[in-house]
Amino acid sequence: MAKNKNQLKPKQADKSERLGTPKPVSDSDSLPPKFCLRGMRRGFSLEDCEKDEKAAFASRLYELSRNNWSALCQMPRHGQGYEKIDRMAIKGDNVPDEITAEVDLIAFRFHGKAPMVGYRSKDGVFNIIWLDRAFTLYDHG
């Protein structure tokens, strides 16, 4: 019996699927955030926080890391979600040079309604620049 030449061969799994290794994900929305504290500004950093604020900050990072960016985007801004902050709203000369007009600043709450403000990199890292514990970084009106 001759085989039908028009039949397609079954697709072979690529090497990463055969080894059980997940394929790299290019869309960081499906990943949980990673956090970078390297760019924190003087007067708005972890070293300026009280013990209870530091504990709340650590707890908040843990809570945020339990969700992906897509889920965080859907959550209320005073809950686990975030809100965008206009770059021009930042008071004084606290804005680092790497935060250009194209960079979206976002704020998560970390201690009550006190925001941690920074920006999200393309690779899903939330770069925390300010911990606005005294609500002086921008008008919160």
C-alpha atoms as a PDB file:
ATOM      1  CA  MET A   1       0.000   0.000   0.000  1.00  0.00           C
ATOM      2  CA  ALA A   2       1.445   3.379  -1.029  1.00  0.00           C
ATOM      3  CA  LYS A   3       1.467   6.247   1.437  1.00  0.00           C
ATOM      4  CA  ASN A   4      -0.304   9.440   0.488  1.00  0.00           C
ATOM      5  CA  LYS A   5       2.478  11.883  -0.421  1.00  0.00           C
ATOM      6  CA  ASN A   6       0.257  14.816   0.516  1.00  0.00           C
ATOM      7  CA  GLN A   7       0.098  13.793   4.169  1.00  0.00           C
ATOM      8  CA  LEU A   8       2.021  16.087   6.467  1.00  0.00           C
ATOM      9  CA  LYS A   9       4.565  14.677   8.838  1.00  0.00           C
ATOM     10  CA  PRO A  10       3.699  15.195  12.482  1.00  0.00           C
ATOM     11  CA  LYS A  11       5.358  18.310  13.862  1.00  0.00           C
ATOM     12  CA  GLN A  12       8.373  17.461  15.957  1.00  0.00           C
ATOM     13  CA  ALA A  13       8.747  19.281  19.226  1.00  0.00           C
ATOM     14  CA  ASP A  14      11.690  21.603  19.279  1.00  0.00           C
ATOM     15  CA  LYS A  15      14.591  20.763  21.576  1.00  0.00           C
ATOM     16  CA  SER A  16      13.411  23.004  24.436  1.00  0.00           C
ATOM     17  CA  GLU A  17       9.971  21.299  24.488  1.00  0.00           C
ATOM     18  CA  ARG A  18      11.514  17.825  24.451  1.00  0.00           C
ATOM     19  CA  LEU A  19      13.741  18.652  27.390  1.00  0.00           C
ATOM     20  CA  GLY A  20      10.906  20.202  29.372  1.00  0.00           C
ATOM     21  CA  THR A  21      12.577  23.611  29.284  1.00  0.00           C
ATOM     22  CA  PRO A  22      10.092  26.456  28.892  1.00  0.00           C
ATOM     23  CA  LYS A  23      10.473  28.646  25.851  1.00  0.00           C
ATOM     24  CA  PRO A  24      11.607  32.185  26.660  1.00  0.00           C
ATOM     25  CA  VAL A  25       8.728  34.614  27.093  1.00  0.00           C
ATOM     26  CA  SER A  26       9.175  37.863  25.248  1.00  0.00           C
ATOM     27  CA  ASP A  27       6.105  39.581  26.672  1.00  0.00           C
ATOM     28  CA  SER A  28       6.920  40.782  30.200  1.00  0.00           C
ATOM     29  CA  ASP A  29       3.207  41.434  30.897  1.00  0.00           C
ATOM     30  CA  SER A  30       2.801  37.744  31.675  1.00  0.00           C
ATOM     31  CA  LEU A  31       5.706  37.797  34.142  1.00  0.00           C
ATOM     32  CA  PRO A  32       5.796  39.031  37.727  1.00  0.00           C
ATOM     33  CA  PRO A  33       7.712  42.246  38.321  1.00  0.00           C
ATOM     34  CA  LYS A  34      11.334  42.255  39.385  1.00  0.00           C
ATOM     35  CA  PHE A  35      12.561  45.152  41.478  1.00  0.00           C
ATOM     36  CA  CYS A  36      15.623  47.393  41.298  1.00  0.00           C
ATOM     37  CA  LEU A  37      16.467  49.788  44.142  1.00  0.00           C
ATOM     38  CA  ARG A  38      19.766  51.010  42.722  1.00  0.00           C
ATOM     39  CA  GLY A  39      18.458  54.391  41.532  1.00  0.00           C
ATOM     40  CA  MET A  40      16.782  55.549  44.745  1.00  0.00           C
ATOM     41  CA  ARG A  41      17.181  59.279  45.361  1.00  0.00           C
ATOM     42  CA  ARG A  42      18.524  60.844  48.537  1.00  0.00           C
ATOM     43  CA  GLY A  43      15.714  61.854  50.871  1.00  0.00           C
ATOM     44  CA  PHE A  44      13.349  59.318  49.276  1.00  0.00           C
ATOM     45  CA  SER A  45      15.200  56.042  49.808  1.00  0.00           C
ATOM     46  CA  LEU A  46      14.904  53.061  52.076  1.00  0.00           C
ATOM     47  CA  GLU A  47      17.513  54.486  54.430  1.00  0.00           C
ATOM     48  CA  ASP A  48      15.131  57.392  55.140  1.00  0.00           C
ATOM     49  CA  CYS A  49      12.325  55.047  56.236  1.00  0.00           C
ATOM     50  CA  GLU A  50      11.297  54.037  59.743  1.00  0.00           C
ATOM     51  CA  LYS A  51      11.345  50.394  60.793  1.00  0.00           C
ATOM     52  CA  ASP A  52       7.599  49.871  60.164  1.00  0.00           C
ATOM     53  CA  GLU A  53       7.876  51.501  56.713  1.00  0.00           C
ATOM     54  CA  LYS A  54      10.760  49.184  55.804  1.00  0.00           C
ATOM     55  CA  ALA A  55       8.711  46.176  56.887  1.00  0.00           C
ATOM     56  CA  ALA A  56       5.702  47.394  54.872  1.00  0.00           C
ATOM     57  CA  PHE A  57       7.962  47.953  51.855  1.00  0.00           C
ATOM     58  CA  ALA A  58       9.310  44.380  52.022  1.00  0.00           C
ATOM     59  CA  SER A  59       5.792  42.969  52.411  1.00  0.00           C
ATOM     60  CA  ARG A  60       4.565  45.028  49.492  1.00  0.00           C
ATOM     61  CA  LEU A  61       7.325  43.821  47.169  1.00  0.00           C
ATOM     62  CA  TYR A  62       6.459  40.248  48.127  1.00  0.00           C
ATOM     63  CA  GLU A  63       2.735  40.829  47.417  1.00  0.00           C
ATOM     64  CA  LEU A  64       3.464  42.470  44.063  1.00  0.00           C
ATOM     65  CA  SER A  65       5.767  39.637  43.028  1.00  0.00           C
ATOM     66  CA  ARG A  66       2.860  37.178  43.441  1.00  0.00           C
ATOM     67  CA  ASN A  67       1.088  38.684  40.382  1.00  0.00           C
ATOM     68  CA  ASN A  68       2.105  39.374  36.812  1.00  0.00           C
ATOM     69  CA  TRP A  69       2.196  42.832  35.242  1.00  0.00           C
ATOM     70  CA  SER A  70      -1.032  42.227  33.358  1.00  0.00           C
ATOM     71  CA  ALA A  71      -2.928  41.455  36.578  1.00  0.00           C
ATOM     72  CA  LEU A  72      -1.379  44.418  38.407  1.00  0.00           C
ATOM     73  CA  CYS A  73      -2.515  46.713  35.596  1.00  0.00           C
ATOM     74  CA  GLN A  74      -6.138  45.644  36.208  1.00  0.00           C
ATOM     75  CA  MET A  75      -6.083  46.181  39.988  1.00  0.00           C
ATOM     76  CA  PRO A  76      -7.212  49.382  41.766  1.00  0.00           C
ATOM     77  CA  ARG A  77      -4.523  52.038  42.128  1.00  0.00           C
ATOM     78  CA  HIS A  78      -4.926  52.267  45.900  1.00  0.00           C
ATOM     79  CA  GLY A  79      -4.980  48.481  46.165  1.00  0.00           C
ATOM     80  CA  GLN A  80      -2.341  46.308  44.550  1.00  0.00           C
ATOM     81  CA  GLY A  81      -2.473  48.190  41.275  1.00  0.00           C
ATOM     82  CA  TYR A  82      -0.624  51.293  40.211  1.00  0.00           C
ATOM     83  CA  GLU A  83      -1.243  54.702  38.735  1.00  0.00           C
ATOM     84  CA  LYS A  84       0.708  56.751  36.223  1.00  0.00           C
ATOM     85  CA  ILE A  85       2.399  59.908  37.471  1.00  0.00           C
ATOM     86  CA  ASP A  86       3.174  62.766  35.106  1.00  0.00           C
ATOM     87  CA  ARG A  87       6.922  63.381  34.974  1.00  0.00           C
ATOM     88  CA  MET A  88       6.285  67.114  35.161  1.00  0.00           C
ATOM     89  CA  ALA A  89       4.428  66.606  38.468  1.00  0.00           C
ATOM     90  CA  ILE A  90       7.662  65.655  40.251  1.00  0.00           C
ATOM     91  CA  LYS A  91       8.787  68.610  42.368  1.00  0.00           C
ATOM     92  CA  GLY A  92      12.315  69.993  42.350  1.00  0.00           C
ATOM     93  CA  ASP A  93      15.255  68.566  40.455  1.00  0.00           C
ATOM     94  CA  ASN A  94      14.797  64.995  41.654  1.00  0.00           C
ATOM     95  CA  VAL A  95      14.237  63.413  38.230  1.00  0.00           C
ATOM     96  CA  PRO A  96      17.273  61.378  37.094  1.00  0.00           C
ATOM     97  CA  ASP A  97      18.572  61.917  33.560  1.00  0.00           C
ATOM     98  CA  GLU A  98      17.517  58.429  32.399  1.00  0.00           C
ATOM     99  CA  ILE A  99      13.876  59.352  32.963  1.00  0.00           C
ATOM    100  CA  THR A 100      13.125  61.103  29.698  1.00  0.00           C
ATOM    101  CA  ALA A 101       9.750  62.337  28.441  1.00  0.00           C
ATOM    102  CA  GLU A 102       9.028  58.909  26.908  1.00  0.00           C
ATOM    103  CA  VAL A 103       9.373  57.110  30.257  1.00  0.00           C
ATOM    104  CA  ASP A 104       6.112  56.445  32.095  1.00  0.00           C
ATOM    105  CA  LEU A 105       6.390  56.941  35.834  1.00  0.00           C
ATOM    106  CA  ILE A 106       4.164  54.712  37.918  1.00  0.00           C
ATOM    107  CA  ALA A 107       3.343  54.560  41.613  1.00  0.00           C
ATOM    108  CA  PHE A 108       2.459  51.593  43.791  1.00  0.00           C
ATOM    109  CA  ARG A 109       1.390  52.115  47.407  1.00  0.00           C
ATOM    110  CA  PHE A 110       3.752  50.605  49.972  1.00  0.00           C
ATOM    111  CA  HIS A 111       2.819  51.964  53.414  1.00  0.00           C
ATOM    112  CA  GLY A 112      -0.800  52.989  53.721  1.00  0.00           C
ATOM    113  CA  LYS A 113      -1.247  55.321  50.765  1.00  0.00           C
ATOM    114  CA  ALA A 114       2.428  56.347  50.649  1.00  0.00           C
ATOM    115  CA  PRO A 115       3.663  55.690  47.100  1.00  0.00           C
ATOM    116  CA  MET A 116       6.839  54.170  45.763  1.00  0.00           C
ATOM    117  CA  VAL A 117       7.428  55.793  42.400  1.00  0.00           C
ATOM    118  CA  GLY A 118       9.566  54.570  39.561  1.00  0.00           C
ATOM    119  CA  TYR A 119       9.400  53.186  36.062  1.00  0.00           C
ATOM    120  CA  ARG A 120       9.020  49.833  34.388  1.00  0.00           C
ATOM    121  CA  SER A 121      11.762  48.675  32.044  1.00  0.00           C
ATOM    122  CA  LYS A 122      10.944  46.687  28.904  1.00  0.00           C
ATOM    123  CA  ASP A 123      12.191  43.536  30.623  1.00  0.00           C
ATOM    124  CA  GLY A 124       9.590  43.887  33.402  1.00  0.00           C
ATOM    125  CA  VAL A 125      11.851  45.396  36.064  1.00  0.00           C
ATOM    126  CA  PHE A 126      10.266  48.061  38.263  1.00  0.00           C
ATOM    127  CA  ASN A 127      13.026  50.577  38.965  1.00  0.00           C
ATOM    128  CA  ILE A 128      12.089  52.236  42.244  1.00  0.00           C
ATOM    129  CA  ILE A 129      13.381  55.808  42.408  1.00  0.00           C
ATOM    130  CA  TRP A 130      11.385  57.412  45.220  1.00  0.00           C
ATOM    131  CA  LEU A 131       9.639  56.281  48.406  1.00  0.00           C
ATOM    132  CA  ASP A 132       7.327  59.232  49.003  1.00  0.00           C
ATOM    133  CA  ARG A 133       6.601  58.522  52.662  1.00  0.00           C
ATOM    134  CA  ALA A 134       5.937  62.204  53.518  1.00  0.00           C
ATOM    135  CA  PHE A 135       3.837  62.889  50.366  1.00  0.00           C
ATOM    136  CA  THR A 136       6.177  65.660  49.205  1.00  0.00           C
ATOM    137  CA  LEU A 137       7.392  64.324  45.842  1.00  0.00           C
ATOM    138  CA  TYR A 138       4.345  65.501  43.861  1.00  0.00           C
ATOM    139  CA  ASP A 139       0.859  66.924  44.519  1.00  0.00           C
ATOM    140  CA  HIS A 140      -1.346  64.055  45.609  1.00  0.00           C
ATOM    141  CA  GLY A 141      -4.570  66.045  45.239  1.00  0.00           C
END
